[in-house]
mmCIF file of all heavy atoms, coordinates in Angstrom:
data_MODEL
# 
_entry.id   MODEL 
# 
loop_
_atom_site.group_PDB 
_atom_site.id 
_atom_site.type_symbol 
_atom_site.label_atom_id 
_atom_site.label_alt_id 
_atom_site.label_comp_id 
_atom_site.label_asym_id 
_atom_site.label_entity_id 
_atom_site.label_seq_id 
_atom_site.pdbx_PDB_ins_code 
_atom_site.Cartn_x 
_atom_site.Cartn_y 
_atom_site.Cartn_z 
_atom_site.occupancy 
_atom_site.B_iso_or_equiv 
_atom_site.pdbx_formal_charge 
_atom_site.auth_seq_id 
_atom_site.auth_comp_id 
_atom_site.auth_asym_id 
_atom_site.auth_atom_id 
_atom_site.pdbx_PDB_model_num 
ATOM 1   N N   . VAL A 1 1  ? -43.345 31.449 10.170 1.00 0.00 ? 1  VAL A N   1 
ATOM 2   C CA  . VAL A 1 1  ? -43.896 30.170 10.388 1.00 0.00 ? 1  VAL A CA  1 
ATOM 3   C C   . VAL A 1 1  ? -43.420 29.600 11.798 1.00 0.00 ? 1  VAL A C   1 
ATOM 4   O O   . VAL A 1 1  ? -44.220 29.086 12.567 1.00 0.00 ? 1  VAL A O   1 
ATOM 5   C CB  . VAL A 1 1  ? -43.554 29.089 9.314  1.00 0.00 ? 1  VAL A CB  1 
ATOM 6   C CG1 . VAL A 1 1  ? -43.951 27.711 9.644  1.00 0.00 ? 1  VAL A CG1 1 
ATOM 7   C CG2 . VAL A 1 1  ? -44.275 29.533 8.065  1.00 0.00 ? 1  VAL A CG2 1 
ATOM 8   N N   . ARG A 1 2  ? -42.145 29.743 12.085 1.00 0.00 ? 2  ARG A N   1 
ATOM 9   C CA  . ARG A 1 2  ? -41.554 29.265 13.308 1.00 0.00 ? 2  ARG A CA  1 
ATOM 10  C C   . ARG A 1 2  ? -42.165 30.023 14.476 1.00 0.00 ? 2  ARG A C   1 
ATOM 11  O O   . ARG A 1 2  ? -42.480 29.452 15.512 1.00 0.00 ? 2  ARG A O   1 
ATOM 12  C CB  . ARG A 1 2  ? -40.023 29.396 13.287 1.00 0.00 ? 2  ARG A CB  1 
ATOM 13  C CG  . ARG A 1 2  ? -39.315 28.351 12.512 1.00 0.00 ? 2  ARG A CG  1 
ATOM 14  C CD  . ARG A 1 2  ? -37.841 28.290 12.816 1.00 0.00 ? 2  ARG A CD  1 
ATOM 15  N NE  . ARG A 1 2  ? -37.200 29.548 12.627 1.00 0.00 ? 2  ARG A NE  1 
ATOM 16  C CZ  . ARG A 1 2  ? -36.710 29.975 11.444 1.00 0.00 ? 2  ARG A CZ  1 
ATOM 17  N NH1 . ARG A 1 2  ? -36.871 29.229 10.353 1.00 0.00 ? 2  ARG A NH1 1 
ATOM 18  N NH2 . ARG A 1 2  ? -36.107 31.166 11.292 1.00 0.00 ? 2  ARG A NH2 1 
ATOM 19  N N   . ALA A 1 3  ? -42.355 31.317 14.359 1.00 0.00 ? 3  ALA A N   1 
ATOM 20  C CA  . ALA A 1 3  ? -42.909 32.178 15.401 1.00 0.00 ? 3  ALA A CA  1 
ATOM 21  C C   . ALA A 1 3  ? -44.349 31.742 15.714 1.00 0.00 ? 3  ALA A C   1 
ATOM 22  O O   . ALA A 1 3  ? -44.770 31.672 16.875 1.00 0.00 ? 3  ALA A O   1 
ATOM 23  C CB  . ALA A 1 3  ? -42.861 33.648 15.006 1.00 0.00 ? 3  ALA A CB  1 
ATOM 24  N N   . ARG A 1 4  ? -45.179 31.481 14.652 1.00 0.00 ? 4  ARG A N   1 
ATOM 25  C CA  . ARG A 1 4  ? -46.550 31.091 14.866 1.00 0.00 ? 4  ARG A CA  1 
ATOM 26  C C   . ARG A 1 4  ? -46.620 29.671 15.546 1.00 0.00 ? 4  ARG A C   1 
ATOM 27  O O   . ARG A 1 4  ? -47.392 29.484 16.408 1.00 0.00 ? 4  ARG A O   1 
ATOM 28  C CB  . ARG A 1 4  ? -47.278 31.040 13.548 1.00 0.00 ? 4  ARG A CB  1 
ATOM 29  C CG  . ARG A 1 4  ? -47.793 32.446 13.127 1.00 0.00 ? 4  ARG A CG  1 
ATOM 30  C CD  . ARG A 1 4  ? -48.695 32.396 11.956 1.00 0.00 ? 4  ARG A CD  1 
ATOM 31  N NE  . ARG A 1 4  ? -47.934 32.627 10.783 1.00 0.00 ? 4  ARG A NE  1 
ATOM 32  C CZ  . ARG A 1 4  ? -48.055 32.071 9.608  1.00 0.00 ? 4  ARG A CZ  1 
ATOM 33  N NH1 . ARG A 1 4  ? -48.992 31.199 9.473  1.00 0.00 ? 4  ARG A NH1 1 
ATOM 34  N NH2 . ARG A 1 4  ? -47.244 32.400 8.622  1.00 0.00 ? 4  ARG A NH2 1 
ATOM 35  N N   . LYS A 1 5  ? -45.732 28.808 15.155 1.00 0.00 ? 5  LYS A N   1 
ATOM 36  C CA  . LYS A 1 5  ? -45.691 27.472 15.805 1.00 0.00 ? 5  LYS A CA  1 
ATOM 37  C C   . LYS A 1 5  ? -45.318 27.598 17.291 1.00 0.00 ? 5  LYS A C   1 
ATOM 38  O O   . LYS A 1 5  ? -45.887 26.970 18.098 1.00 0.00 ? 5  LYS A O   1 
ATOM 39  C CB  . LYS A 1 5  ? -44.750 26.481 15.037 1.00 0.00 ? 5  LYS A CB  1 
ATOM 40  C CG  . LYS A 1 5  ? -45.285 26.004 13.801 1.00 0.00 ? 5  LYS A CG  1 
ATOM 41  C CD  . LYS A 1 5  ? -44.338 25.021 13.168 1.00 0.00 ? 5  LYS A CD  1 
ATOM 42  C CE  . LYS A 1 5  ? -44.860 24.503 11.827 1.00 0.00 ? 5  LYS A CE  1 
ATOM 43  N NZ  . LYS A 1 5  ? -44.004 23.612 11.144 1.00 0.00 ? 5  LYS A NZ  1 
ATOM 44  N N   . ALA A 1 6  ? -44.314 28.466 17.558 1.00 0.00 ? 6  ALA A N   1 
ATOM 45  C CA  . ALA A 1 6  ? -43.913 28.694 18.904 1.00 0.00 ? 6  ALA A CA  1 
ATOM 46  C C   . ALA A 1 6  ? -45.015 29.257 19.741 1.00 0.00 ? 6  ALA A C   1 
ATOM 47  O O   . ALA A 1 6  ? -45.287 28.838 20.953 1.00 0.00 ? 6  ALA A O   1 
ATOM 48  C CB  . ALA A 1 6  ? -42.656 29.584 18.971 1.00 0.00 ? 6  ALA A CB  1 
ATOM 49  N N   . TRP A 1 7  ? -45.737 30.194 19.183 1.00 0.00 ? 7  TRP A N   1 
ATOM 50  C CA  . TRP A 1 7  ? -46.866 30.824 19.888 1.00 0.00 ? 7  TRP A CA  1 
ATOM 51  C C   . TRP A 1 7  ? -47.962 29.708 20.179 1.00 0.00 ? 7  TRP A C   1 
ATOM 52  O O   . TRP A 1 7  ? -48.487 29.667 21.267 1.00 0.00 ? 7  TRP A O   1 
ATOM 53  C CB  . TRP A 1 7  ? -47.463 31.962 19.088 1.00 0.00 ? 7  TRP A CB  1 
ATOM 54  C CG  . TRP A 1 7  ? -48.570 32.653 19.792 1.00 0.00 ? 7  TRP A CG  1 
ATOM 55  C CD1 . TRP A 1 7  ? -48.513 33.650 20.666 1.00 0.00 ? 7  TRP A CD1 1 
ATOM 56  C CD2 . TRP A 1 7  ? -49.971 32.283 19.716 1.00 0.00 ? 7  TRP A CD2 1 
ATOM 57  N NE1 . TRP A 1 7  ? -49.795 34.021 21.147 1.00 0.00 ? 7  TRP A NE1 1 
ATOM 58  C CE2 . TRP A 1 7  ? -50.684 33.213 20.526 1.00 0.00 ? 7  TRP A CE2 1 
ATOM 59  C CE3 . TRP A 1 7  ? -50.670 31.308 19.002 1.00 0.00 ? 7  TRP A CE3 1 
ATOM 60  C CZ2 . TRP A 1 7  ? -52.037 33.105 20.720 1.00 0.00 ? 7  TRP A CZ2 1 
ATOM 61  C CZ3 . TRP A 1 7  ? -52.016 31.254 19.133 1.00 0.00 ? 7  TRP A CZ3 1 
ATOM 62  C CH2 . TRP A 1 7  ? -52.724 32.139 19.978 1.00 0.00 ? 7  TRP A CH2 1 
ATOM 63  N N   . ALA A 1 8  ? -48.258 28.955 19.179 1.00 0.00 ? 8  ALA A N   1 
ATOM 64  C CA  . ALA A 1 8  ? -49.305 27.912 19.316 1.00 0.00 ? 8  ALA A CA  1 
ATOM 65  C C   . ALA A 1 8  ? -48.874 26.890 20.391 1.00 0.00 ? 8  ALA A C   1 
ATOM 66  O O   . ALA A 1 8  ? -49.715 26.424 21.206 1.00 0.00 ? 8  ALA A O   1 
ATOM 67  C CB  . ALA A 1 8  ? -49.549 27.180 17.999 1.00 0.00 ? 8  ALA A CB  1 
ATOM 68  N N   . THR A 1 9  ? -47.601 26.624 20.516 1.00 0.00 ? 9  THR A N   1 
ATOM 69  C CA  . THR A 1 9  ? -47.063 25.702 21.581 1.00 0.00 ? 9  THR A CA  1 
ATOM 70  C C   . THR A 1 9  ? -47.235 26.278 22.956 1.00 0.00 ? 9  THR A C   1 
ATOM 71  O O   . THR A 1 9  ? -47.614 25.623 23.845 1.00 0.00 ? 9  THR A O   1 
ATOM 72  C CB  . THR A 1 9  ? -45.581 25.357 21.294 1.00 0.00 ? 9  THR A CB  1 
ATOM 73  O OG1 . THR A 1 9  ? -45.470 24.771 20.012 1.00 0.00 ? 9  THR A OG1 1 
ATOM 74  C CG2 . THR A 1 9  ? -45.035 24.376 22.387 1.00 0.00 ? 9  THR A CG2 1 
ATOM 75  N N   . GLU A 1 10 ? -46.970 27.597 23.006 1.00 0.00 ? 10 GLU A N   1 
ATOM 76  C CA  . GLU A 1 10 ? -47.150 28.279 24.368 1.00 0.00 ? 10 GLU A CA  1 
ATOM 77  C C   . GLU A 1 10 ? -48.675 28.602 24.702 1.00 0.00 ? 10 GLU A C   1 
ATOM 78  O O   . GLU A 1 10 ? -48.888 28.762 25.855 1.00 0.00 ? 10 GLU A O   1 
ATOM 79  C CB  . GLU A 1 10 ? -46.345 29.647 24.264 1.00 0.00 ? 10 GLU A CB  1 
ATOM 80  C CG  . GLU A 1 10 ? -44.901 29.478 24.184 1.00 0.00 ? 10 GLU A CG  1 
ATOM 81  C CD  . GLU A 1 10 ? -44.242 30.859 23.903 1.00 0.00 ? 10 GLU A CD  1 
ATOM 82  O OE1 . GLU A 1 10 ? -44.877 31.880 23.990 1.00 0.00 ? 10 GLU A OE1 1 
ATOM 83  O OE2 . GLU A 1 10 ? -43.027 30.822 23.550 1.00 0.00 ? 10 GLU A OE2 1 
ATOM 84  N N   . ASN A 1 11 ? -49.466 28.506 23.704 1.00 0.00 ? 11 ASN A N   1 
ATOM 85  C CA  . ASN A 1 11 ? -50.883 28.832 24.017 1.00 0.00 ? 11 ASN A CA  1 
ATOM 86  C C   . ASN A 1 11 ? -51.778 27.624 23.467 1.00 0.00 ? 11 ASN A C   1 
ATOM 87  O O   . ASN A 1 11 ? -52.615 27.885 22.606 1.00 0.00 ? 11 ASN A O   1 
ATOM 88  C CB  . ASN A 1 11 ? -51.339 30.141 23.329 1.00 0.00 ? 11 ASN A CB  1 
ATOM 89  C CG  . ASN A 1 11 ? -50.535 31.318 23.836 1.00 0.00 ? 11 ASN A CG  1 
ATOM 90  O OD1 . ASN A 1 11 ? -50.795 31.819 24.827 1.00 0.00 ? 11 ASN A OD1 1 
ATOM 91  N ND2 . ASN A 1 11 ? -49.473 31.678 23.048 1.00 0.00 ? 11 ASN A ND2 1 
ATOM 92  N N   . PRO A 1 12 ? -51.637 26.445 24.052 1.00 0.00 ? 12 PRO A N   1 
ATOM 93  C CA  . PRO A 1 12 ? -52.343 25.307 23.522 1.00 0.00 ? 12 PRO A CA  1 
ATOM 94  C C   . PRO A 1 12 ? -53.887 25.346 23.644 1.00 0.00 ? 12 PRO A C   1 
ATOM 95  O O   . PRO A 1 12 ? -54.640 24.758 22.848 1.00 0.00 ? 12 PRO A O   1 
ATOM 96  C CB  . PRO A 1 12 ? -51.743 24.154 24.264 1.00 0.00 ? 12 PRO A CB  1 
ATOM 97  C CG  . PRO A 1 12 ? -51.302 24.714 25.557 1.00 0.00 ? 12 PRO A CG  1 
ATOM 98  C CD  . PRO A 1 12 ? -50.846 26.086 25.212 1.00 0.00 ? 12 PRO A CD  1 
ATOM 99  N N   . GLU A 1 13 ? -54.396 26.102 24.577 1.00 0.00 ? 13 GLU A N   1 
ATOM 100 C CA  . GLU A 1 13 ? -55.838 26.142 24.882 1.00 0.00 ? 13 GLU A CA  1 
ATOM 101 C C   . GLU A 1 13 ? -56.497 27.298 24.070 1.00 0.00 ? 13 GLU A C   1 
ATOM 102 O O   . GLU A 1 13 ? -57.686 27.435 24.217 1.00 0.00 ? 13 GLU A O   1 
ATOM 103 C CB  . GLU A 1 13 ? -56.066 26.346 26.311 1.00 0.00 ? 13 GLU A CB  1 
ATOM 104 C CG  . GLU A 1 13 ? -55.560 25.187 27.178 1.00 0.00 ? 13 GLU A CG  1 
ATOM 105 C CD  . GLU A 1 13 ? -56.417 23.941 26.861 1.00 0.00 ? 13 GLU A CD  1 
ATOM 106 O OE1 . GLU A 1 13 ? -57.649 24.068 26.760 1.00 0.00 ? 13 GLU A OE1 1 
ATOM 107 O OE2 . GLU A 1 13 ? -55.826 22.850 26.698 1.00 0.00 ? 13 GLU A OE2 1 
ATOM 108 N N   . TYR A 1 14 ? -55.741 28.067 23.325 1.00 0.00 ? 14 TYR A N   1 
ATOM 109 C CA  . TYR A 1 14 ? -56.344 29.291 22.697 1.00 0.00 ? 14 TYR A CA  1 
ATOM 110 C C   . TYR A 1 14 ? -57.496 28.936 21.775 1.00 0.00 ? 14 TYR A C   1 
ATOM 111 O O   . TYR A 1 14 ? -58.556 29.565 21.934 1.00 0.00 ? 14 TYR A O   1 
ATOM 112 C CB  . TYR A 1 14 ? -55.308 30.023 21.897 1.00 0.00 ? 14 TYR A CB  1 
ATOM 113 C CG  . TYR A 1 14 ? -55.838 31.144 21.070 1.00 0.00 ? 14 TYR A CG  1 
ATOM 114 C CD1 . TYR A 1 14 ? -56.100 32.373 21.657 1.00 0.00 ? 14 TYR A CD1 1 
ATOM 115 C CD2 . TYR A 1 14 ? -56.179 31.051 19.718 1.00 0.00 ? 14 TYR A CD2 1 
ATOM 116 C CE1 . TYR A 1 14 ? -56.695 33.416 20.982 1.00 0.00 ? 14 TYR A CE1 1 
ATOM 117 C CE2 . TYR A 1 14 ? -56.720 32.057 19.031 1.00 0.00 ? 14 TYR A CE2 1 
ATOM 118 C CZ  . TYR A 1 14 ? -56.976 33.227 19.628 1.00 0.00 ? 14 TYR A CZ  1 
ATOM 119 O OH  . TYR A 1 14 ? -57.529 34.293 18.941 1.00 0.00 ? 14 TYR A OH  1 
ATOM 120 N N   . TRP A 1 15 ? -57.356 28.016 20.867 1.00 0.00 ? 15 TRP A N   1 
ATOM 121 C CA  . TRP A 1 15 ? -58.421 27.695 19.949 1.00 0.00 ? 15 TRP A CA  1 
ATOM 122 C C   . TRP A 1 15 ? -59.679 27.086 20.581 1.00 0.00 ? 15 TRP A C   1 
ATOM 123 O O   . TRP A 1 15 ? -60.766 27.341 20.209 1.00 0.00 ? 15 TRP A O   1 
ATOM 124 C CB  . TRP A 1 15 ? -57.952 26.848 18.760 1.00 0.00 ? 15 TRP A CB  1 
ATOM 125 C CG  . TRP A 1 15 ? -57.023 27.631 17.931 1.00 0.00 ? 15 TRP A CG  1 
ATOM 126 C CD1 . TRP A 1 15 ? -55.701 27.458 17.727 1.00 0.00 ? 15 TRP A CD1 1 
ATOM 127 C CD2 . TRP A 1 15 ? -57.431 28.741 17.080 1.00 0.00 ? 15 TRP A CD2 1 
ATOM 128 N NE1 . TRP A 1 15 ? -55.168 28.404 16.868 1.00 0.00 ? 15 TRP A NE1 1 
ATOM 129 C CE2 . TRP A 1 15 ? -56.247 29.216 16.425 1.00 0.00 ? 15 TRP A CE2 1 
ATOM 130 C CE3 . TRP A 1 15 ? -58.573 29.405 16.844 1.00 0.00 ? 15 TRP A CE3 1 
ATOM 131 C CZ2 . TRP A 1 15 ? -56.200 30.275 15.576 1.00 0.00 ? 15 TRP A CZ2 1 
ATOM 132 C CZ3 . TRP A 1 15 ? -58.545 30.476 15.957 1.00 0.00 ? 15 TRP A CZ3 1 
ATOM 133 C CH2 . TRP A 1 15 ? -57.413 30.873 15.344 1.00 0.00 ? 15 TRP A CH2 1 
ATOM 134 N N   . LYS A 1 16 ? -59.424 26.263 21.650 1.00 0.00 ? 16 LYS A N   1 
ATOM 135 C CA  . LYS A 1 16 ? -60.577 25.685 22.357 1.00 0.00 ? 16 LYS A CA  1 
ATOM 136 C C   . LYS A 1 16 ? -61.381 26.823 23.027 1.00 0.00 ? 16 LYS A C   1 
ATOM 137 O O   . LYS A 1 16 ? -62.592 26.902 22.957 1.00 0.00 ? 16 LYS A O   1 
ATOM 138 C CB  . LYS A 1 16 ? -60.106 24.666 23.422 1.00 0.00 ? 16 LYS A CB  1 
ATOM 139 C CG  . LYS A 1 16 ? -61.210 24.027 24.178 1.00 0.00 ? 16 LYS A CG  1 
ATOM 140 C CD  . LYS A 1 16 ? -60.759 23.117 25.173 1.00 0.00 ? 16 LYS A CD  1 
ATOM 141 C CE  . LYS A 1 16 ? -61.745 22.344 25.930 1.00 0.00 ? 16 LYS A CE  1 
ATOM 142 N NZ  . LYS A 1 16 ? -63.076 22.956 26.035 1.00 0.00 ? 16 LYS A NZ  1 
ATOM 143 N N   . ARG A 1 17 ? -60.650 27.784 23.708 1.00 0.00 ? 17 ARG A N   1 
ATOM 144 C CA  . ARG A 1 17 ? -61.301 28.910 24.319 1.00 0.00 ? 17 ARG A CA  1 
ATOM 145 C C   . ARG A 1 17 ? -61.989 29.774 23.284 1.00 0.00 ? 17 ARG A C   1 
ATOM 146 O O   . ARG A 1 17 ? -63.136 30.253 23.454 1.00 0.00 ? 17 ARG A O   1 
ATOM 147 C CB  . ARG A 1 17 ? -60.251 29.793 25.012 1.00 0.00 ? 17 ARG A CB  1 
ATOM 148 C CG  . ARG A 1 17 ? -60.114 29.489 26.522 1.00 0.00 ? 17 ARG A CG  1 
ATOM 149 C CD  . ARG A 1 17 ? -59.347 30.553 27.287 1.00 0.00 ? 17 ARG A CD  1 
ATOM 150 N NE  . ARG A 1 17 ? -58.308 31.344 26.573 1.00 0.00 ? 17 ARG A NE  1 
ATOM 151 C CZ  . ARG A 1 17 ? -57.080 30.952 26.287 1.00 0.00 ? 17 ARG A CZ  1 
ATOM 152 N NH1 . ARG A 1 17 ? -56.679 29.813 26.803 1.00 0.00 ? 17 ARG A NH1 1 
ATOM 153 N NH2 . ARG A 1 17 ? -56.315 31.771 25.692 1.00 0.00 ? 17 ARG A NH2 1 
ATOM 154 N N   . TYR A 1 18 ? -61.363 30.010 22.108 1.00 0.00 ? 18 TYR A N   1 
ATOM 155 C CA  . TYR A 1 18 ? -61.950 30.774 21.083 1.00 0.00 ? 18 TYR A CA  1 
ATOM 156 C C   . TYR A 1 18 ? -63.230 30.217 20.592 1.00 0.00 ? 18 TYR A C   1 
ATOM 157 O O   . TYR A 1 18 ? -64.224 30.863 20.466 1.00 0.00 ? 18 TYR A O   1 
ATOM 158 C CB  . TYR A 1 18 ? -60.950 30.927 19.898 1.00 0.00 ? 18 TYR A CB  1 
ATOM 159 C CG  . TYR A 1 18 ? -61.467 31.689 18.749 1.00 0.00 ? 18 TYR A CG  1 
ATOM 160 C CD1 . TYR A 1 18 ? -61.392 33.082 18.712 1.00 0.00 ? 18 TYR A CD1 1 
ATOM 161 C CD2 . TYR A 1 18 ? -62.059 31.012 17.689 1.00 0.00 ? 18 TYR A CD2 1 
ATOM 162 C CE1 . TYR A 1 18 ? -61.850 33.831 17.621 1.00 0.00 ? 18 TYR A CE1 1 
ATOM 163 C CE2 . TYR A 1 18 ? -62.591 31.817 16.624 1.00 0.00 ? 18 TYR A CE2 1 
ATOM 164 C CZ  . TYR A 1 18 ? -62.470 33.132 16.579 1.00 0.00 ? 18 TYR A CZ  1 
ATOM 165 O OH  . TYR A 1 18 ? -63.002 33.854 15.557 1.00 0.00 ? 18 TYR A OH  1 
ATOM 166 N N   . ARG A 1 19 ? -63.267 28.849 20.381 1.00 0.00 ? 19 ARG A N   1 
ATOM 167 C CA  . ARG A 1 19 ? -64.484 28.197 19.915 1.00 0.00 ? 19 ARG A CA  1 
ATOM 168 C C   . ARG A 1 19 ? -65.564 28.284 20.949 1.00 0.00 ? 19 ARG A C   1 
ATOM 169 O O   . ARG A 1 19 ? -66.701 28.498 20.674 1.00 0.00 ? 19 ARG A O   1 
ATOM 170 C CB  . ARG A 1 19 ? -64.197 26.706 19.570 1.00 0.00 ? 19 ARG A CB  1 
ATOM 171 C CG  . ARG A 1 19 ? -63.483 26.603 18.180 1.00 0.00 ? 19 ARG A CG  1 
ATOM 172 C CD  . ARG A 1 19 ? -63.372 25.143 17.774 1.00 0.00 ? 19 ARG A CD  1 
ATOM 173 N NE  . ARG A 1 19 ? -62.665 24.284 18.691 1.00 0.00 ? 19 ARG A NE  1 
ATOM 174 C CZ  . ARG A 1 19 ? -61.343 24.192 18.705 1.00 0.00 ? 19 ARG A CZ  1 
ATOM 175 N NH1 . ARG A 1 19 ? -60.606 24.725 17.783 1.00 0.00 ? 19 ARG A NH1 1 
ATOM 176 N NH2 . ARG A 1 19 ? -60.790 23.364 19.561 1.00 0.00 ? 19 ARG A NH2 1 
ATOM 177 N N   . ASP A 1 20 ? -65.213 28.095 22.239 1.00 0.00 ? 20 ASP A N   1 
ATOM 178 C CA  . ASP A 1 20 ? -66.176 28.161 23.284 1.00 0.00 ? 20 ASP A CA  1 
ATOM 179 C C   . ASP A 1 20 ? -66.791 29.584 23.383 1.00 0.00 ? 20 ASP A C   1 
ATOM 180 O O   . ASP A 1 20 ? -68.017 29.723 23.565 1.00 0.00 ? 20 ASP A O   1 
ATOM 181 C CB  . ASP A 1 20 ? -65.554 27.781 24.653 1.00 0.00 ? 20 ASP A CB  1 
ATOM 182 C CG  . ASP A 1 20 ? -65.143 26.316 24.729 1.00 0.00 ? 20 ASP A CG  1 
ATOM 183 O OD1 . ASP A 1 20 ? -65.703 25.537 23.846 1.00 0.00 ? 20 ASP A OD1 1 
ATOM 184 O OD2 . ASP A 1 20 ? -64.405 25.930 25.590 1.00 0.00 ? 20 ASP A OD2 1 
ATOM 185 N N   . GLU A 1 21 ? -65.968 30.576 23.238 1.00 0.00 ? 21 GLU A N   1 
ATOM 186 C CA  . GLU A 1 21 ? -66.413 31.984 23.332 1.00 0.00 ? 21 GLU A CA  1 
ATOM 187 C C   . GLU A 1 21 ? -67.261 32.361 22.193 1.00 0.00 ? 21 GLU A C   1 
ATOM 188 O O   . GLU A 1 21 ? -68.097 33.300 22.240 1.00 0.00 ? 21 GLU A O   1 
ATOM 189 C CB  . GLU A 1 21 ? -65.282 32.938 23.514 1.00 0.00 ? 21 GLU A CB  1 
ATOM 190 C CG  . GLU A 1 21 ? -64.548 32.790 24.807 1.00 0.00 ? 21 GLU A CG  1 
ATOM 191 C CD  . GLU A 1 21 ? -63.231 33.577 24.929 1.00 0.00 ? 21 GLU A CD  1 
ATOM 192 O OE1 . GLU A 1 21 ? -62.935 34.188 23.939 1.00 0.00 ? 21 GLU A OE1 1 
ATOM 193 O OE2 . GLU A 1 21 ? -62.506 33.447 25.965 1.00 0.00 ? 21 GLU A OE2 1 
ATOM 194 N N   . ASN A 1 22 ? -67.108 31.677 21.023 1.00 0.00 ? 22 ASN A N   1 
ATOM 195 C CA  . ASN A 1 22 ? -67.862 32.061 19.826 1.00 0.00 ? 22 ASN A CA  1 
ATOM 196 C C   . ASN A 1 22 ? -68.846 31.053 19.425 1.00 0.00 ? 22 ASN A C   1 
ATOM 197 O O   . ASN A 1 22 ? -69.271 30.973 18.312 1.00 0.00 ? 22 ASN A O   1 
ATOM 198 C CB  . ASN A 1 22 ? -66.839 32.302 18.642 1.00 0.00 ? 22 ASN A CB  1 
ATOM 199 C CG  . ASN A 1 22 ? -65.930 33.507 18.848 1.00 0.00 ? 22 ASN A CG  1 
ATOM 200 O OD1 . ASN A 1 22 ? -66.432 34.609 18.715 1.00 0.00 ? 22 ASN A OD1 1 
ATOM 201 N ND2 . ASN A 1 22 ? -64.757 33.312 19.257 1.00 0.00 ? 22 ASN A ND2 1 
ATOM 202 N N   . GLN A 1 23 ? -69.317 30.309 20.392 1.00 0.00 ? 23 GLN A N   1 
ATOM 203 C CA  . GLN A 1 23 ? -70.383 29.306 20.184 1.00 0.00 ? 23 GLN A CA  1 
ATOM 204 C C   . GLN A 1 23 ? -71.614 29.934 19.639 1.00 0.00 ? 23 GLN A C   1 
ATOM 205 O O   . GLN A 1 23 ? -72.332 29.329 18.785 1.00 0.00 ? 23 GLN A O   1 
ATOM 206 C CB  . GLN A 1 23 ? -70.588 28.504 21.486 1.00 0.00 ? 23 GLN A CB  1 
ATOM 207 C CG  . GLN A 1 23 ? -71.604 27.360 21.322 1.00 0.00 ? 23 GLN A CG  1 
ATOM 208 C CD  . GLN A 1 23 ? -71.109 26.257 20.374 1.00 0.00 ? 23 GLN A CD  1 
ATOM 209 O OE1 . GLN A 1 23 ? -69.912 25.944 20.409 1.00 0.00 ? 23 GLN A OE1 1 
ATOM 210 N NE2 . GLN A 1 23 ? -71.946 25.678 19.628 1.00 0.00 ? 23 GLN A NE2 1 
ATOM 211 N N   . ARG A 1 24 ? -71.939 31.064 20.130 1.00 0.00 ? 24 ARG A N   1 
ATOM 212 C CA  . ARG A 1 24 ? -73.196 31.799 19.670 1.00 0.00 ? 24 ARG A CA  1 
ATOM 213 C C   . ARG A 1 24 ? -73.169 31.969 18.194 1.00 0.00 ? 24 ARG A C   1 
ATOM 214 O O   . ARG A 1 24 ? -74.100 31.762 17.470 1.00 0.00 ? 24 ARG A O   1 
ATOM 215 C CB  . ARG A 1 24 ? -73.358 33.088 20.396 1.00 0.00 ? 24 ARG A CB  1 
ATOM 216 C CG  . ARG A 1 24 ? -74.548 33.861 20.013 1.00 0.00 ? 24 ARG A CG  1 
ATOM 217 C CD  . ARG A 1 24 ? -74.657 35.245 20.745 1.00 0.00 ? 24 ARG A CD  1 
ATOM 218 N NE  . ARG A 1 24 ? -75.742 35.967 20.228 1.00 0.00 ? 24 ARG A NE  1 
ATOM 219 C CZ  . ARG A 1 24 ? -75.693 36.773 19.190 1.00 0.00 ? 24 ARG A CZ  1 
ATOM 220 N NH1 . ARG A 1 24 ? -74.545 36.973 18.593 1.00 0.00 ? 24 ARG A NH1 1 
ATOM 221 N NH2 . ARG A 1 24 ? -76.737 37.512 18.799 1.00 0.00 ? 24 ARG A NH2 1 
# 
C-alpha cells in the first residue's frame, strides 16, 4: 500500500493521461 501511494505521488498525471489516451 505504501509503495503504491508513493508511486501515485511521483506520477500525479498518470490517470489523467490514461483517461485521455483511452477516450475512444
